[in-house]
Structure formats: structure tokens, C-alpha cells
Amino acid sequence: MNLYNRMCLVYHGGFNSIFDPQHLIQTANRLEDFLIKFFRMERTGVARDPQMVQILENIAPYYEKVRYIQLGQNKVASITADLGHIYEGLNGITNRVTYTNGENSSITGKSKALLSIWGQTPGFDSIVRLKFCSNFYPPLPDRLPYLKKNNIYYSSDEFCVMIKELDKWVYDWPKTNKGFR
């Protein structure tokens, strides 16, 4: 069972959401634990309660619009505004050592938080970023779509373009690889 499923298994039943008021504090605690224990991001400074709860409250309305979209459905373009708001709203989730008042977080911290709550983004750490290629398409089995490799801070627009490209790459995969998913 993957990280996203472990996080959401407890919450997602019927119309419940991990951002419902009765789940929000537990979601914040679990996300903090995942970022520290599973992703080992403690050295960057992970947001703690009450900052973590505030961050999640701020992105909750946008999460409800993206939570059912999966990569490979070619539907990410329809949620880029909401995804951009989430990406911006995750400022301060990590990198609190460098940015003590939470005004910024790297793509790694934001994407791993988003991976934990949505399950549809790669972690964008240094290993994942090495698998991206420069201006190269169509997709190949060992390369992901274009990403500026030497950066760890991206605007929400840049992030959304990367996720749209990744969505298209997953969608096109069967056409370019003899139908294999």
C-alpha cells in the first residue's frame, strides 16, 4: 500500500475528506510525520501545529476540486488554477530553517506534501529531477517530460506546466509503448 493510500484510508469514505474539520488536525499531524519520518525532511524545518493546520485550511477549498483527478486522464489542464493555488498555499510547509516566517518552500517540500495528500505528483527530489530531460519529447521509458533540472524553486505556473506535461506523458504512454501501461 502506497503512502497516499495509507494516509487516506482512514478518511476517504463516502463524501469525507482529509480536510473536513473533524479530520484536519489528524491530517496535519500525519503530514508532519510523513514529511519528517518518511521523507526525512526535518533538516529543512517542517511546519508544526498550528502552522501546518493553517496551511491545510488555506488549501482545502482547492484540494476538493483536484482530489479526484488522476495523472494519465489528460484532465490536469482543467484544474491548473486550483493546483496553482495549492502549490502557492504550500509555502512554509518546509524550508522553515531558511525561511522562518514560511514565505517559501522548495519544490521538493511542496511536492512531497502534495504527494502525501493527493497521491498524483512525483516527489521532485534530486533523484526524480535527474530523470527529467531537457526539451525532449515523445516520452521514453527512462525519461520524464521537460523540467529545468538545476532549480529547486519554481513558480506555481512552472509547476503546473510540469504536472500538465507529466499528465500528458502518462496519457500518451500506451500509444508510444505498444499499449503497455
C-alpha atoms as a PDB file:
ATOM      1  CA  MET A   1       0.000   0.000   0.000  1.00  0.00           C
ATOM      2  CA  ASN A   2       1.500   3.356  -1.004  1.00  0.00           C
ATOM      3  CA  LEU A   3       1.908   6.421   1.174  1.00  0.00           C
ATOM      4  CA  TYR A   4      -1.139   8.205  -0.221  1.00  0.00           C
ATOM      5  CA  ASN A   5      -3.371   5.182   0.379  1.00  0.00           C
ATOM      6  CA  ARG A   6      -2.106   4.790   3.944  1.00  0.00           C
ATOM      7  CA  MET A   7      -2.817   8.445   4.638  1.00  0.00           C
ATOM      8  CA  CYS A   8      -6.265   8.477   3.067  1.00  0.00           C
ATOM      9  CA  LEU A   9      -7.501   5.026   4.011  1.00  0.00           C
ATOM     10  CA  VAL A  10      -8.667   6.289   7.387  1.00  0.00           C
ATOM     11  CA  TYR A  11     -10.523   9.291   5.972  1.00  0.00           C
ATOM     12  CA  HIS A  12     -11.903   8.857   2.482  1.00  0.00           C
ATOM     13  CA  GLY A  13     -15.187   7.089   2.912  1.00  0.00           C
ATOM     14  CA  GLY A  14     -18.205   8.369   1.058  1.00  0.00           C
ATOM     15  CA  PHE A  15     -18.054  12.138   0.972  1.00  0.00           C
ATOM     16  CA  ASN A  16     -15.476  12.567   3.725  1.00  0.00           C
ATOM     17  CA  SER A  17     -12.276  14.438   3.052  1.00  0.00           C
ATOM     18  CA  ILE A  18      -8.949  14.596   4.832  1.00  0.00           C
ATOM     19  CA  PHE A  19      -9.654  18.338   5.063  1.00  0.00           C
ATOM     20  CA  ASP A  20     -13.005  18.028   6.831  1.00  0.00           C
ATOM     21  CA  PRO A  21     -12.892  19.870  10.175  1.00  0.00           C
ATOM     22  CA  GLN A  22     -13.066  16.602  12.129  1.00  0.00           C
ATOM     23  CA  HIS A  23     -10.009  15.252  10.236  1.00  0.00           C
ATOM     24  CA  LEU A  24      -7.886  18.378   9.781  1.00  0.00           C
ATOM     25  CA  ILE A  25      -5.732  18.147  12.924  1.00  0.00           C
ATOM     26  CA  GLN A  26      -5.081  14.447  12.373  1.00  0.00           C
ATOM     27  CA  THR A  27      -4.234  15.148   8.712  1.00  0.00           C
ATOM     28  CA  ALA A  28      -1.809  17.887   9.795  1.00  0.00           C
ATOM     29  CA  ASN A  29      -0.161  15.546  12.304  1.00  0.00           C
ATOM     30  CA  ARG A  30       0.129  12.719   9.779  1.00  0.00           C
ATOM     31  CA  LEU A  31       1.519  15.020   7.102  1.00  0.00           C
ATOM     32  CA  GLU A  32       4.082  16.379   9.547  1.00  0.00           C
ATOM     33  CA  ASP A  33       5.073  12.797  10.446  1.00  0.00           C
ATOM     34  CA  PHE A  34       5.344  11.784   6.784  1.00  0.00           C
ATOM     35  CA  LEU A  35       7.495  14.766   5.908  1.00  0.00           C
ATOM     36  CA  ILE A  36       9.789  14.193   8.901  1.00  0.00           C
ATOM     37  CA  LYS A  37       9.921  10.420   9.303  1.00  0.00           C
ATOM     38  CA  PHE A  38       9.198   9.018   5.851  1.00  0.00           C
ATOM     39  CA  PHE A  39      10.665  11.742   3.634  1.00  0.00           C
ATOM     40  CA  ARG A  40      13.340  12.764   6.191  1.00  0.00           C
ATOM     41  CA  MET A  41      12.839  16.480   5.667  1.00  0.00           C
ATOM     42  CA  GLU A  42      13.399  17.506   9.288  1.00  0.00           C
ATOM     43  CA  ARG A  43      16.667  19.260   8.409  1.00  0.00           C
ATOM     44  CA  THR A  44      14.753  21.755   6.232  1.00  0.00           C
ATOM     45  CA  GLY A  45      12.371  22.687   9.024  1.00  0.00           C
ATOM     46  CA  VAL A  46       8.864  21.277   8.629  1.00  0.00           C
ATOM     47  CA  ALA A  47       5.835  23.340   9.661  1.00  0.00           C
ATOM     48  CA  ARG A  48       4.336  22.351  13.017  1.00  0.00           C
ATOM     49  CA  ASP A  49       0.922  22.806  14.516  1.00  0.00           C
ATOM     50  CA  PRO A  50      -0.626  25.491  14.298  1.00  0.00           C
ATOM     51  CA  GLN A  51       1.202  26.489  11.058  1.00  0.00           C
ATOM     52  CA  MET A  52       0.540  23.098   9.447  1.00  0.00           C
ATOM     53  CA  VAL A  53      -3.185  23.297  10.237  1.00  0.00           C
ATOM     54  CA  GLN A  54      -3.338  26.854   8.847  1.00  0.00           C
ATOM     55  CA  ILE A  55      -1.595  25.810   5.620  1.00  0.00           C
ATOM     56  CA  LEU A  56      -4.021  22.920   5.153  1.00  0.00           C
ATOM     57  CA  GLU A  57      -7.050  25.119   5.914  1.00  0.00           C
ATOM     58  CA  ASN A  58      -5.875  27.568   3.243  1.00  0.00           C
ATOM     59  CA  ILE A  59      -5.583  24.919   0.523  1.00  0.00           C
ATOM     60  CA  ALA A  60      -8.707  22.907   1.476  1.00  0.00           C
ATOM     61  CA  PRO A  61     -11.151  24.550  -0.990  1.00  0.00           C
ATOM     62  CA  TYR A  62      -8.763  23.919  -3.891  1.00  0.00           C
ATOM     63  CA  TYR A  63      -7.997  20.359  -2.791  1.00  0.00           C
ATOM     64  CA  GLU A  64     -11.672  19.470  -3.038  1.00  0.00           C
ATOM     65  CA  LYS A  65     -11.539  20.377  -6.746  1.00  0.00           C
ATOM     66  CA  VAL A  66      -8.413  18.351  -7.573  1.00  0.00           C
ATOM     67  CA  ARG A  67      -8.723  15.328  -5.310  1.00  0.00           C
ATOM     68  CA  TYR A  68     -10.441  13.083  -7.879  1.00  0.00           C
ATOM     69  CA  ILE A  69      -8.169  13.925 -10.817  1.00  0.00           C
ATOM     70  CA  GLN A  70      -5.512  11.334 -11.607  1.00  0.00           C
ATOM     71  CA  LEU A  71      -2.453  11.675 -13.781  1.00  0.00           C
ATOM     72  CA  GLY A  72      -2.931   9.997 -17.127  1.00  0.00           C
ATOM     73  CA  GLN A  73      -6.570  11.031 -17.568  1.00  0.00           C
ATOM     74  CA  ASN A  74      -5.456  14.105 -19.550  1.00  0.00           C
ATOM     75  CA  LYS A  75      -7.535  16.300 -17.196  1.00  0.00           C
ATOM     76  CA  VAL A  76      -4.900  18.223 -15.257  1.00  0.00           C
ATOM     77  CA  ALA A  77      -5.318  21.200 -17.607  1.00  0.00           C
ATOM     78  CA  SER A  78      -8.830  21.646 -16.190  1.00  0.00           C
ATOM     79  CA  ILE A  79      -7.535  22.081 -12.630  1.00  0.00           C
ATOM     80  CA  THR A  80      -4.340  24.095 -13.120  1.00  0.00           C
ATOM     81  CA  ALA A  81      -5.733  27.205 -11.411  1.00  0.00           C
ATOM     82  CA  ASP A  82      -6.647  25.171  -8.324  1.00  0.00           C
ATOM     83  CA  LEU A  83      -3.381  23.248  -8.455  1.00  0.00           C
ATOM     84  CA  GLY A  84      -1.514  26.552  -8.665  1.00  0.00           C
ATOM     85  CA  HIS A  85      -3.336  27.839  -5.579  1.00  0.00           C
ATOM     86  CA  ILE A  86      -2.408  24.669  -3.710  1.00  0.00           C
ATOM     87  CA  TYR A  87       1.226  24.959  -4.780  1.00  0.00           C
ATOM     88  CA  GLU A  88       1.366  28.582  -3.590  1.00  0.00           C
ATOM     89  CA  GLY A  89      -0.555  27.691  -0.433  1.00  0.00           C
ATOM     90  CA  LEU A  90       2.061  25.102   0.481  1.00  0.00           C
ATOM     91  CA  ASN A  91       4.669  27.823   1.019  1.00  0.00           C
ATOM     92  CA  GLY A  92       6.018  27.316   4.501  1.00  0.00           C
ATOM     93  CA  ILE A  93       5.303  23.589   4.615  1.00  0.00           C
ATOM     94  CA  THR A  94       9.090  23.016   4.618  1.00  0.00           C
ATOM     95  CA  ASN A  95      12.236  25.147   4.438  1.00  0.00           C
ATOM     96  CA  ARG A  96      11.343  26.872   7.704  1.00  0.00           C
ATOM     97  CA  VAL A  97      15.014  26.866   8.709  1.00  0.00           C
ATOM     98  CA  THR A  98      15.863  29.176   5.804  1.00  0.00           C
ATOM     99  CA  TYR A  99      12.517  30.994   5.624  1.00  0.00           C
ATOM    100  CA  THR A 100      11.460  31.209   9.259  1.00  0.00           C
ATOM    101  CA  ASN A 101       8.202  33.037   8.568  1.00  0.00           C
ATOM    102  CA  GLY A 102       7.183  30.475   5.927  1.00  0.00           C
ATOM    103  CA  GLU A 103       7.305  32.657   2.840  1.00  0.00           C
ATOM    104  CA  ASN A 104       8.838  29.962   0.623  1.00  0.00           C
ATOM    105  CA  SER A 105       9.326  26.223   0.226  1.00  0.00           C
ATOM    106  CA  SER A 106      11.226  24.229  -2.361  1.00  0.00           C
ATOM    107  CA  ILE A 107       9.521  22.114  -4.983  1.00  0.00           C
ATOM    108  CA  THR A 108      10.667  19.049  -3.042  1.00  0.00           C
ATOM    109  CA  GLY A 109       8.825  20.025   0.132  1.00  0.00           C
ATOM    110  CA  LYS A 110       5.689  21.172  -1.653  1.00  0.00           C
ATOM    111  CA  SER A 111       5.516  18.203  -3.999  1.00  0.00           C
ATOM    112  CA  LYS A 112       6.100  15.655  -1.227  1.00  0.00           C
ATOM    113  CA  ALA A 113       3.333  17.281   0.793  1.00  0.00           C
ATOM    114  CA  LEU A 114       1.102  17.208  -2.279  1.00  0.00           C
ATOM    115  CA  LEU A 115       2.104  13.592  -2.939  1.00  0.00           C
ATOM    116  CA  SER A 116       1.055  12.734   0.600  1.00  0.00           C
ATOM    117  CA  ILE A 117      -2.389  14.344   0.333  1.00  0.00           C
ATOM    118  CA  TRP A 118      -3.197  13.874  -3.375  1.00  0.00           C
ATOM    119  CA  GLY A 119      -1.013  10.967  -4.463  1.00  0.00           C
ATOM    120  CA  GLN A 120      -0.549  12.202  -8.039  1.00  0.00           C
ATOM    121  CA  THR A 121       2.741  14.084  -8.078  1.00  0.00           C
ATOM    122  CA  PRO A 122       6.302  12.845  -8.016  1.00  0.00           C
ATOM    123  CA  GLY A 123       8.412  13.990  -5.097  1.00  0.00           C
ATOM    124  CA  PHE A 124      10.623  16.191  -7.321  1.00  0.00           C
ATOM    125  CA  ASP A 125      13.678  15.393  -5.219  1.00  0.00           C
ATOM    126  CA  SER A 126      17.150  15.275  -6.786  1.00  0.00           C
ATOM    127  CA  ILE A 127      16.721  11.652  -7.913  1.00  0.00           C
ATOM    128  CA  VAL A 128      13.408  12.365  -9.652  1.00  0.00           C
ATOM    129  CA  ARG A 129      14.749  15.577 -11.203  1.00  0.00           C
ATOM    130  CA  LEU A 130      17.598  13.587 -12.774  1.00  0.00           C
ATOM    131  CA  LYS A 131      15.016  11.520 -14.667  1.00  0.00           C
ATOM    132  CA  PHE A 132      13.595  14.591 -16.371  1.00  0.00           C
ATOM    133  CA  CYS A 133      15.096  15.585 -19.677  1.00  0.00           C
ATOM    134  CA  SER A 134      15.740  18.868 -21.384  1.00  0.00           C
ATOM    135  CA  ASN A 135      13.309  19.709 -24.179  1.00  0.00           C
ATOM    136  CA  PHE A 136      12.795  16.055 -25.102  1.00  0.00           C
ATOM    137  CA  TYR A 137       9.549  14.536 -26.279  1.00  0.00           C
ATOM    138  CA  PRO A 138       7.995  11.984 -27.014  1.00  0.00           C
ATOM    139  CA  PRO A 139       8.399  10.128 -23.764  1.00  0.00           C
ATOM    140  CA  LEU A 140      10.832   7.288 -23.392  1.00  0.00           C
ATOM    141  CA  PRO A 141      10.708   4.606 -20.682  1.00  0.00           C
ATOM    142  CA  ASP A 142      13.553   6.095 -18.660  1.00  0.00           C
ATOM    143  CA  ARG A 143      12.864   9.820 -19.119  1.00  0.00           C
ATOM    144  CA  LEU A 144      10.108  12.095 -17.900  1.00  0.00           C
ATOM    145  CA  PRO A 145       8.978  15.287 -19.671  1.00  0.00           C
ATOM    146  CA  TYR A 146      10.927  18.526 -19.626  1.00  0.00           C
ATOM    147  CA  LEU A 147      11.960  20.052 -16.313  1.00  0.00           C
ATOM    148  CA  LYS A 148      14.517  22.685 -15.504  1.00  0.00           C
ATOM    149  CA  LYS A 149      16.832  20.326 -13.648  1.00  0.00           C
ATOM    150  CA  ASN A 150      19.023  22.798 -11.811  1.00  0.00           C
ATOM    151  CA  ASN A 151      16.333  24.567  -9.854  1.00  0.00           C
ATOM    152  CA  ILE A 152      14.535  23.785  -6.609  1.00  0.00           C
ATOM    153  CA  TYR A 153      12.261  26.833  -6.507  1.00  0.00           C
ATOM    154  CA  TYR A 154       9.526  27.094  -9.126  1.00  0.00           C
ATOM    155  CA  SER A 155       6.579  29.400  -9.605  1.00  0.00           C
ATOM    156  CA  SER A 156       3.104  27.904  -9.478  1.00  0.00           C
ATOM    157  CA  ASP A 157       2.842  28.390 -13.262  1.00  0.00           C
ATOM    158  CA  GLU A 158       6.062  26.437 -13.850  1.00  0.00           C
ATOM    159  CA  PHE A 159       4.901  23.679 -11.509  1.00  0.00           C
ATOM    160  CA  CYS A 160       1.517  23.419 -13.241  1.00  0.00           C
ATOM    161  CA  VAL A 161       3.181  23.212 -16.670  1.00  0.00           C
ATOM    162  CA  MET A 162       5.333  20.335 -15.409  1.00  0.00           C
ATOM    163  CA  ILE A 163       2.319  18.491 -13.970  1.00  0.00           C
ATOM    164  CA  LYS A 164       0.332  19.033 -17.201  1.00  0.00           C
ATOM    165  CA  GLU A 165       3.255  17.639 -19.195  1.00  0.00           C
ATOM    166  CA  LEU A 166       3.504  14.700 -16.831  1.00  0.00           C
ATOM    167  CA  ASP A 167      -0.252  14.084 -17.198  1.00  0.00           C
ATOM    168  CA  LYS A 168       0.076  14.122 -20.977  1.00  0.00           C
ATOM    169  CA  TRP A 169       3.133  11.862 -20.806  1.00  0.00           C
ATOM    170  CA  VAL A 170       1.243   9.272 -18.747  1.00  0.00           C
ATOM    171  CA  TYR A 171      -1.814   9.623 -21.002  1.00  0.00           C
ATOM    172  CA  ASP A 172       0.277   9.110 -24.164  1.00  0.00           C
ATOM    173  CA  TRP A 173       2.313   6.253 -22.720  1.00  0.00           C
ATOM    174  CA  PRO A 174       0.217   3.384 -24.170  1.00  0.00           C
ATOM    175  CA  LYS A 175       0.330   4.967 -27.664  1.00  0.00           C
ATOM    176  CA  THR A 176       4.115   5.222 -27.617  1.00  0.00           C
ATOM    177  CA  ASN A 177       4.869   1.930 -25.896  1.00  0.00           C
ATOM    178  CA  LYS A 178       2.775  -0.693 -27.681  1.00  0.00           C
ATOM    179  CA  GLY A 179      -0.164  -0.334 -25.319  1.00  0.00           C
ATOM    180  CA  PHE A 180       1.714  -1.100 -22.104  1.00  0.00           C
ATOM    181  CA  ARG A 181       0.832   0.946 -19.028  1.00  0.00           C
END
